[in-house]
Amino acid sequence: MKKLLVALSIIGALALAAQAGEGKKEKKLTDEQKAVYKELLAKYDANKDGKLDKEERAKMSAEDKEKAEKAGLGRKKQEKKN
């Protein structure tokens, strides 16, 4: 009986892990998005870590923020729940 419960627990855990993995989608950038991101990194990546952190994004000019948004690089804001 204990072996059956252990087996069922393992199967359940594997099923949950498989479902969680299916929900993740890897974001693929277009060539235009890659070019815009590379330009913004060269301009604003102060610590040269290959990413734009919150402080670096805050220093972006309005024109560059608009360019990134038009290229589809902007982060989507979560809707507030009422």
PDB file of N, CA and C in Angstrom:
ATOM      1  N   MET A   1       0.826  -1.192   0.000  1.00  0.00           N
ATOM      2  CA  MET A   1       0.000   0.000   0.000  1.00  0.00           C
ATOM      3  C   MET A   1       0.870   1.256   0.000  1.00  0.00           C
ATOM      4  N   LYS A   2       1.941   1.225   0.825  1.00  0.00           N
ATOM      5  CA  LYS A   2       2.821   2.385   0.891  1.00  0.00           C
ATOM      6  C   LYS A   2       3.496   2.619  -0.452  1.00  0.00           C
ATOM      7  N   LYS A   3       3.883   1.520  -1.130  1.00  0.00           N
ATOM      8  CA  LYS A   3       4.528   1.649  -2.437  1.00  0.00           C
ATOM      9  C   LYS A   3       3.580   2.288  -3.447  1.00  0.00           C
ATOM     10  N   LEU A   4       2.318   1.940  -3.384  1.00  0.00           N
ATOM     11  CA  LEU A   4       1.321   2.497  -4.295  1.00  0.00           C
ATOM     12  C   LEU A   4       1.158   3.998  -4.048  1.00  0.00           C
ATOM     13  N   LEU A   5       1.101   4.401  -2.784  1.00  0.00           N
ATOM     14  CA  LEU A   5       0.974   5.824  -2.454  1.00  0.00           C
ATOM     15  C   LEU A   5       2.205   6.613  -2.899  1.00  0.00           C
ATOM     16  N   VAL A   6       3.381   6.036  -2.708  1.00  0.00           N
ATOM     17  CA  VAL A   6       4.616   6.696  -3.132  1.00  0.00           C
ATOM     18  C   VAL A   6       4.617   6.835  -4.651  1.00  0.00           C
ATOM     19  N   ALA A   7       4.236   5.791  -5.345  1.00  0.00           N
ATOM     20  CA  ALA A   7       4.213   5.817  -6.812  1.00  0.00           C
ATOM     21  C   ALA A   7       3.219   6.863  -7.309  1.00  0.00           C
ATOM     22  N   LEU A   8       2.045   6.913  -6.708  1.00  0.00           N
ATOM     23  CA  LEU A   8       1.036   7.896  -7.111  1.00  0.00           C
ATOM     24  C   LEU A   8       1.504   9.322  -6.820  1.00  0.00           C
ATOM     25  N   SER A   9       2.196   9.501  -5.709  1.00  0.00           N
ATOM     26  CA  SER A   9       2.733  10.820  -5.371  1.00  0.00           C
ATOM     27  C   SER A   9       3.769  11.265  -6.392  1.00  0.00           C
ATOM     28  N   ILE A  10       4.633  10.342  -6.780  1.00  0.00           N
ATOM     29  CA  ILE A  10       5.662  10.667  -7.772  1.00  0.00           C
ATOM     30  C   ILE A  10       5.024  10.996  -9.110  1.00  0.00           C
ATOM     31  N   ILE A  11       4.058  10.223  -9.521  1.00  0.00           N
ATOM     32  CA  ILE A  11       3.365  10.476 -10.791  1.00  0.00           C
ATOM     33  C   ILE A  11       2.669  11.831 -10.753  1.00  0.00           C
ATOM     34  N   GLY A  12       2.038  12.146  -9.654  1.00  0.00           N
ATOM     35  CA  GLY A  12       1.373  13.446  -9.511  1.00  0.00           C
ATOM     36  C   GLY A  12       2.360  14.599  -9.576  1.00  0.00           C
ATOM     37  N   ALA A  13       3.488  14.447  -8.915  1.00  0.00           N
ATOM     38  CA  ALA A  13       4.507  15.498  -8.936  1.00  0.00           C
ATOM     39  C   ALA A  13       5.056  15.688 -10.339  1.00  0.00           C
ATOM     40  N   LEU A  14       5.285  14.617 -11.054  1.00  0.00           N
ATOM     41  CA  LEU A  14       5.775  14.710 -12.428  1.00  0.00           C
ATOM     42  C   LEU A  14       4.747  15.378 -13.343  1.00  0.00           C
ATOM     43  N   ALA A  15       3.487  15.068 -13.146  1.00  0.00           N
ATOM     44  CA  ALA A  15       2.436  15.681 -13.956  1.00  0.00           C
ATOM     45  C   ALA A  15       2.371  17.184 -13.707  1.00  0.00           C
ATOM     46  N   LEU A  16       2.488  17.602 -12.456  1.00  0.00           N
ATOM     47  CA  LEU A  16       2.476  19.024 -12.130  1.00  0.00           C
ATOM     48  C   LEU A  16       3.694  19.734 -12.715  1.00  0.00           C
ATOM     49  N   ALA A  17       4.831  19.092 -12.662  1.00  0.00           N
ATOM     50  CA  ALA A  17       6.058  19.685 -13.213  1.00  0.00           C
ATOM     51  C   ALA A  17       5.941  19.832 -14.726  1.00  0.00           C
ATOM     52  N   ALA A  18       5.341  18.862 -15.376  1.00  0.00           N
ATOM     53  CA  ALA A  18       5.165  18.929 -16.829  1.00  0.00           C
ATOM     54  C   ALA A  18       4.230  20.064 -17.210  1.00  0.00           C
ATOM     55  N   GLN A  19       3.167  20.247 -16.467  1.00  0.00           N
ATOM     56  CA  GLN A  19       2.222  21.337 -16.745  1.00  0.00           C
ATOM     57  C   GLN A  19       2.881  22.685 -16.517  1.00  0.00           C
ATOM     58  N   ALA A  20       3.669  22.809 -15.494  1.00  0.00           N
ATOM     59  CA  ALA A  20       4.343  24.076 -15.203  1.00  0.00           C
ATOM     60  C   ALA A  20       5.322  24.415 -16.319  1.00  0.00           C
ATOM     61  N   GLY A  21       6.008  23.435 -16.842  1.00  0.00           N
ATOM     62  CA  GLY A  21       6.958  23.656 -17.919  1.00  0.00           C
ATOM     63  C   GLY A  21       6.295  24.076 -19.210  1.00  0.00           C
ATOM     64  N   GLU A  22       5.079  23.598 -19.463  1.00  0.00           N
ATOM     65  CA  GLU A  22       4.356  23.950 -20.681  1.00  0.00           C
ATOM     66  C   GLU A  22       3.930  25.406 -20.684  1.00  0.00           C
ATOM     67  N   GLY A  23       3.707  25.984 -19.520  1.00  0.00           N
ATOM     68  CA  GLY A  23       3.234  27.356 -19.429  1.00  0.00           C
ATOM     69  C   GLY A  23       4.299  28.383 -19.764  1.00  0.00           C
ATOM     70  N   LYS A  24       5.563  28.016 -19.686  1.00  0.00           N
ATOM     71  CA  LYS A  24       6.640  28.956 -19.970  1.00  0.00           C
ATOM     72  C   LYS A  24       6.858  29.048 -21.468  1.00  0.00           C
ATOM     73  N   LYS A  25       6.870  30.282 -21.966  1.00  0.00           N
ATOM     74  CA  LYS A  25       7.129  30.505 -23.376  1.00  0.00           C
ATOM     75  C   LYS A  25       8.381  31.350 -23.498  1.00  0.00           C
ATOM     76  N   GLU A  26       9.290  30.896 -24.318  1.00  0.00           N
ATOM     77  CA  GLU A  26      10.517  31.640 -24.535  1.00  0.00           C
ATOM     78  C   GLU A  26      10.250  32.743 -25.547  1.00  0.00           C
ATOM     79  N   LYS A  27      10.653  33.946 -25.202  1.00  0.00           N
ATOM     80  CA  LYS A  27      10.409  35.081 -26.063  1.00  0.00           C
ATOM     81  C   LYS A  27      11.509  35.157 -27.114  1.00  0.00           C
ATOM     82  N   LYS A  28      11.127  35.127 -28.375  1.00  0.00           N
ATOM     83  CA  LYS A  28      12.067  35.226 -29.483  1.00  0.00           C
ATOM     84  C   LYS A  28      12.020  36.653 -30.008  1.00  0.00           C
ATOM     85  N   LEU A  29      13.174  37.275 -30.139  1.00  0.00           N
ATOM     86  CA  LEU A  29      13.250  38.640 -30.639  1.00  0.00           C
ATOM     87  C   LEU A  29      13.435  38.638 -32.148  1.00  0.00           C
ATOM     88  N   THR A  30      12.809  39.606 -32.812  1.00  0.00           N
ATOM     89  CA  THR A  30      13.003  39.783 -34.242  1.00  0.00           C
ATOM     90  C   THR A  30      14.350  40.460 -34.464  1.00  0.00           C
ATOM     91  N   ASP A  31      14.794  40.521 -35.712  1.00  0.00           N
ATOM     92  CA  ASP A  31      16.059  41.182 -36.028  1.00  0.00           C
ATOM     93  C   ASP A  31      15.996  42.664 -35.662  1.00  0.00           C
ATOM     94  N   GLU A  32      14.840  43.292 -35.913  1.00  0.00           N
ATOM     95  CA  GLU A  32      14.672  44.717 -35.564  1.00  0.00           C
ATOM     96  C   GLU A  32      14.780  44.907 -34.049  1.00  0.00           C
ATOM     97  N   GLN A  33      14.122  44.041 -33.286  1.00  0.00           N
ATOM     98  CA  GLN A  33      14.170  44.141 -31.834  1.00  0.00           C
ATOM     99  C   GLN A  33      15.586  43.940 -31.314  1.00  0.00           C
ATOM    100  N   LYS A  34      16.306  42.983 -31.895  1.00  0.00           N
ATOM    101  CA  LYS A  34      17.689  42.750 -31.489  1.00  0.00           C
ATOM    102  C   LYS A  34      18.549  43.982 -31.739  1.00  0.00           C
ATOM    103  N   ALA A  35      18.354  44.625 -32.902  1.00  0.00           N
ATOM    104  CA  ALA A  35      19.147  45.808 -33.249  1.00  0.00           C
ATOM    105  C   ALA A  35      18.855  46.960 -32.295  1.00  0.00           C
ATOM    106  N   VAL A  36      17.573  47.187 -31.992  1.00  0.00           N
ATOM    107  CA  VAL A  36      17.192  48.268 -31.086  1.00  0.00           C
ATOM    108  C   VAL A  36      17.727  47.984 -29.689  1.00  0.00           C
ATOM    109  N   TYR A  37      17.598  46.736 -29.223  1.00  0.00           N
ATOM    110  CA  TYR A  37      18.076  46.383 -27.887  1.00  0.00           C
ATOM    111  C   TYR A  37      19.591  46.544 -27.791  1.00  0.00           C
ATOM    112  N   LYS A  38      20.304  46.132 -28.842  1.00  0.00           N
ATOM    113  CA  LYS A  38      21.758  46.267 -28.852  1.00  0.00           C
ATOM    114  C   LYS A  38      22.164  47.736 -28.766  1.00  0.00           C
ATOM    115  N   GLU A  39      21.445  48.590 -29.503  1.00  0.00           N
ATOM    116  CA  GLU A  39      21.711  50.034 -29.475  1.00  0.00           C
ATOM    117  C   GLU A  39      21.466  50.610 -28.081  1.00  0.00           C
ATOM    118  N   LEU A  40      20.355  50.212 -27.457  1.00  0.00           N
ATOM    119  CA  LEU A  40      20.030  50.717 -26.127  1.00  0.00           C
ATOM    120  C   LEU A  40      21.015  50.204 -25.073  1.00  0.00           C
ATOM    121  N   LEU A  41      21.459  48.967 -25.221  1.00  0.00           N
ATOM    122  CA  LEU A  41      22.454  48.435 -24.296  1.00  0.00           C
ATOM    123  C   LEU A  41      23.752  49.233 -24.384  1.00  0.00           C
ATOM    124  N   ALA A  42      24.189  49.507 -25.613  1.00  0.00           N
ATOM    125  CA  ALA A  42      25.430  50.254 -25.794  1.00  0.00           C
ATOM    126  C   ALA A  42      25.327  51.641 -25.165  1.00  0.00           C
ATOM    127  N   LYS A  43      24.135  52.200 -25.197  1.00  0.00           N
ATOM    128  CA  LYS A  43      23.930  53.565 -24.722  1.00  0.00           C
ATOM    129  C   LYS A  43      23.693  53.645 -23.209  1.00  0.00           C
ATOM    130  N   TYR A  44      22.962  52.680 -22.637  1.00  0.00           N
ATOM    131  CA  TYR A  44      22.485  52.820 -21.256  1.00  0.00           C
ATOM    132  C   TYR A  44      22.980  51.759 -20.269  1.00  0.00           C
ATOM    133  N   ASP A  45      23.621  50.693 -20.727  1.00  0.00           N
ATOM    134  CA  ASP A  45      24.065  49.624 -19.817  1.00  0.00           C
ATOM    135  C   ASP A  45      25.326  50.064 -19.078  1.00  0.00           C
ATOM    136  N   ALA A  46      25.138  50.822 -18.010  1.00  0.00           N
ATOM    137  CA  ALA A  46      26.249  51.425 -17.272  1.00  0.00           C
ATOM    138  C   ALA A  46      27.158  50.386 -16.622  1.00  0.00           C
ATOM    139  N   ASN A  47      26.591  49.321 -16.089  1.00  0.00           N
ATOM    140  CA  ASN A  47      27.409  48.310 -15.404  1.00  0.00           C
ATOM    141  C   ASN A  47      27.874  47.190 -16.339  1.00  0.00           C
ATOM    142  N   LYS A  48      27.523  47.283 -17.603  1.00  0.00           N
ATOM    143  CA  LYS A  48      27.967  46.346 -18.654  1.00  0.00           C
ATOM    144  C   LYS A  48      27.675  44.879 -18.326  1.00  0.00           C
ATOM    145  N   ASP A  49      26.467  44.640 -17.783  1.00  0.00           N
ATOM    146  CA  ASP A  49      26.084  43.263 -17.470  1.00  0.00           C
ATOM    147  C   ASP A  49      25.231  42.629 -18.577  1.00  0.00           C
ATOM    148  N   GLY A  50      24.975  43.380 -19.649  1.00  0.00           N
ATOM    149  CA  GLY A  50      24.202  42.831 -20.758  1.00  0.00           C
ATOM    150  C   GLY A  50      22.703  42.939 -20.582  1.00  0.00           C
ATOM    151  N   LYS A  51      22.263  43.651 -19.550  1.00  0.00           N
ATOM    152  CA  LYS A  51      20.836  43.844 -19.277  1.00  0.00           C
ATOM    153  C   LYS A  51      20.614  45.294 -18.875  1.00  0.00           C
ATOM    154  N   LEU A  52      19.389  45.745 -19.072  1.00  0.00           N
ATOM    155  CA  LEU A  52      19.023  47.080 -18.591  1.00  0.00           C
ATOM    156  C   LEU A  52      18.203  46.913 -17.320  1.00  0.00           C
ATOM    157  N   ASP A  53      18.801  47.287 -16.194  1.00  0.00           N
ATOM    158  CA  ASP A  53      18.080  47.167 -14.932  1.00  0.00           C
ATOM    159  C   ASP A  53      17.168  48.385 -14.742  1.00  0.00           C
ATOM    160  N   LYS A  54      16.464  48.399 -13.641  1.00  0.00           N
ATOM    161  CA  LYS A  54      15.464  49.434 -13.373  1.00  0.00           C
ATOM    162  C   LYS A  54      16.069  50.841 -13.421  1.00  0.00           C
ATOM    163  N   GLU A  55      17.229  51.018 -12.805  1.00  0.00           N
ATOM    164  CA  GLU A  55      17.867  52.339 -12.774  1.00  0.00           C
ATOM    165  C   GLU A  55      18.319  52.773 -14.166  1.00  0.00           C
ATOM    166  N   GLU A  56      18.849  51.827 -14.936  1.00  0.00           N
ATOM    167  CA  GLU A  56      19.298  52.138 -16.288  1.00  0.00           C
ATOM    168  C   GLU A  56      18.122  52.488 -17.195  1.00  0.00           C
ATOM    169  N   ARG A  57      17.018  51.767 -17.059  1.00  0.00           N
ATOM    170  CA  ARG A  57      15.820  52.084 -17.858  1.00  0.00           C
ATOM    171  C   ARG A  57      15.260  53.439 -17.484  1.00  0.00           C
ATOM    172  N   ALA A  58      15.381  53.815 -16.212  1.00  0.00           N
ATOM    173  CA  ALA A  58      14.866  55.108 -15.753  1.00  0.00           C
ATOM    174  C   ALA A  58      15.638  56.272 -16.382  1.00  0.00           C
ATOM    175  N   LYS A  59      16.889  56.037 -16.750  1.00  0.00           N
ATOM    176  CA  LYS A  59      17.720  57.085 -17.338  1.00  0.00           C
ATOM    177  C   LYS A  59      17.546  57.213 -18.847  1.00  0.00           C
ATOM    178  N   MET A  60      16.738  56.348 -19.444  1.00  0.00           N
ATOM    179  CA  MET A  60      16.532  56.397 -20.891  1.00  0.00           C
ATOM    180  C   MET A  60      15.773  57.659 -21.281  1.00  0.00           C
ATOM    181  N   SER A  61      16.120  58.207 -22.435  1.00  0.00           N
ATOM    182  CA  SER A  61      15.413  59.383 -22.934  1.00  0.00           C
ATOM    183  C   SER A  61      14.014  58.977 -23.398  1.00  0.00           C
ATOM    184  N   ALA A  62      13.137  59.951 -23.498  1.00  0.00           N
ATOM    185  CA  ALA A  62      11.766  59.677 -23.937  1.00  0.00           C
ATOM    186  C   ALA A  62      11.763  59.089 -25.350  1.00  0.00           C
ATOM    187  N   GLU A  63      12.665  59.591 -26.206  1.00  0.00           N
ATOM    188  CA  GLU A  63      12.736  59.092 -27.584  1.00  0.00           C
ATOM    189  C   GLU A  63      13.154  57.622 -27.615  1.00  0.00           C
ATOM    190  N   ASP A  64      14.133  57.263 -26.773  1.00  0.00           N
ATOM    191  CA  ASP A  64      14.587  55.880 -26.739  1.00  0.00           C
ATOM    192  C   ASP A  64      13.543  54.955 -26.127  1.00  0.00           C
ATOM    193  N   LYS A  65      12.812  55.438 -25.132  1.00  0.00           N
ATOM    194  CA  LYS A  65      11.733  54.633 -24.558  1.00  0.00           C
ATOM    195  C   LYS A  65      10.662  54.373 -25.609  1.00  0.00           C
ATOM    196  N   GLU A  66      10.352  55.409 -26.397  1.00  0.00           N
ATOM    197  CA  GLU A  66       9.350  55.265 -27.453  1.00  0.00           C
ATOM    198  C   GLU A  66       9.848  54.304 -28.532  1.00  0.00           C
ATOM    199  N   LYS A  67      11.128  54.404 -28.885  1.00  0.00           N
ATOM    200  CA  LYS A  67      11.719  53.511 -29.888  1.00  0.00           C
ATOM    201  C   LYS A  67      11.627  52.058 -29.421  1.00  0.00           C
ATOM    202  N   ALA A  68      11.938  51.823 -28.158  1.00  0.00           N
ATOM    203  CA  ALA A  68      11.872  50.468 -27.606  1.00  0.00           C
ATOM    204  C   ALA A  68      10.438  49.956 -27.604  1.00  0.00           C
ATOM    205  N   GLU A  69       9.506  50.812 -27.247  1.00  0.00           N
ATOM    206  CA  GLU A  69       8.094  50.414 -27.208  1.00  0.00           C
ATOM    207  C   GLU A  69       7.585  50.080 -28.610  1.00  0.00           C
ATOM    208  N   LYS A  70       7.955  50.914 -29.593  1.00  0.00           N
ATOM    209  CA  LYS A  70       7.527  50.655 -30.971  1.00  0.00           C
ATOM    210  C   LYS A  70       8.104  49.350 -31.500  1.00  0.00           C
ATOM    211  N   ALA A  71       9.312  49.011 -31.051  1.00  0.00           N
ATOM    212  CA  ALA A  71       9.936  47.757 -31.476  1.00  0.00           C
ATOM    213  C   ALA A  71       9.353  46.558 -30.733  1.00  0.00           C
ATOM    214  N   GLY A  72       8.519  46.808 -29.730  1.00  0.00           N
ATOM    215  CA  GLY A  72       7.910  45.715 -28.966  1.00  0.00           C
ATOM    216  C   GLY A  72       8.776  45.242 -27.819  1.00  0.00           C
ATOM    217  N   LEU A  73       9.654  46.103 -27.337  1.00  0.00           N
ATOM    218  CA  LEU A  73      10.547  45.723 -26.244  1.00  0.00           C
ATOM    219  C   LEU A  73      10.063  46.183 -24.882  1.00  0.00           C
ATOM    220  N   GLY A  74       9.014  46.949 -24.823  1.00  0.00           N
ATOM    221  CA  GLY A  74       8.518  47.446 -23.548  1.00  0.00           C
ATOM    222  C   GLY A  74       7.919  46.340 -22.709  1.00  0.00           C
ATOM    223  N   ARG A  75       8.024  46.505 -21.408  1.00  0.00           N
ATOM    224  CA  ARG A  75       7.409  45.532 -20.504  1.00  0.00           C
ATOM    225  C   ARG A  75       5.931  45.829 -20.393  1.00  0.00           C
ATOM    226  N   LYS A  76       5.144  44.774 -20.392  1.00  0.00           N
ATOM    227  CA  LYS A  76       3.708  44.946 -20.233  1.00  0.00           C
ATOM    228  C   LYS A  76       3.392  45.185 -18.777  1.00  0.00           C
ATOM    229  N   LYS A  77       2.609  46.212 -18.517  1.00  0.00           N
ATOM    230  CA  LYS A  77       2.208  46.496 -17.145  1.00  0.00           C
ATOM    231  C   LYS A  77       1.030  45.616 -16.795  1.00  0.00           C
ATOM    232  N   GLN A  78       1.071  45.078 -15.588  1.00  0.00           N
ATOM    233  CA  GLN A  78      -0.020  44.219 -15.133  1.00  0.00           C
ATOM    234  C   GLN A  78      -1.206  45.104 -14.785  1.00  0.00           C
ATOM    235  N   GLU A  79      -2.390  44.602 -15.149  1.00  0.00           N
ATOM    236  CA  GLU A  79      -3.602  45.340 -14.832  1.00  0.00           C
ATOM    237  C   GLU A  79      -3.869  45.263 -13.339  1.00  0.00           C
ATOM    238  N   LYS A  80      -4.317  46.378 -12.799  1.00  0.00           N
ATOM    239  CA  LYS A  80      -4.638  46.407 -11.366  1.00  0.00           C
ATOM    240  C   LYS A  80      -5.972  45.730 -11.145  1.00  0.00           C
ATOM    241  N   LYS A  81      -6.014  44.936 -10.079  1.00  0.00           N
ATOM    242  CA  LYS A  81      -7.268  44.261  -9.739  1.00  0.00           C
ATOM    243  C   LYS A  81      -8.082  45.178  -8.856  1.00  0.00           C
ATOM    244  N   ASN A  82      -9.356  45.273  -9.160  1.00  0.00           N
ATOM    245  CA  ASN A  82     -10.248  46.126  -8.352  1.00  0.00           C
ATOM    246  C   ASN A  82     -10.820  45.379  -7.195  1.00  0.00           C
TER     247      ASN A  82
END
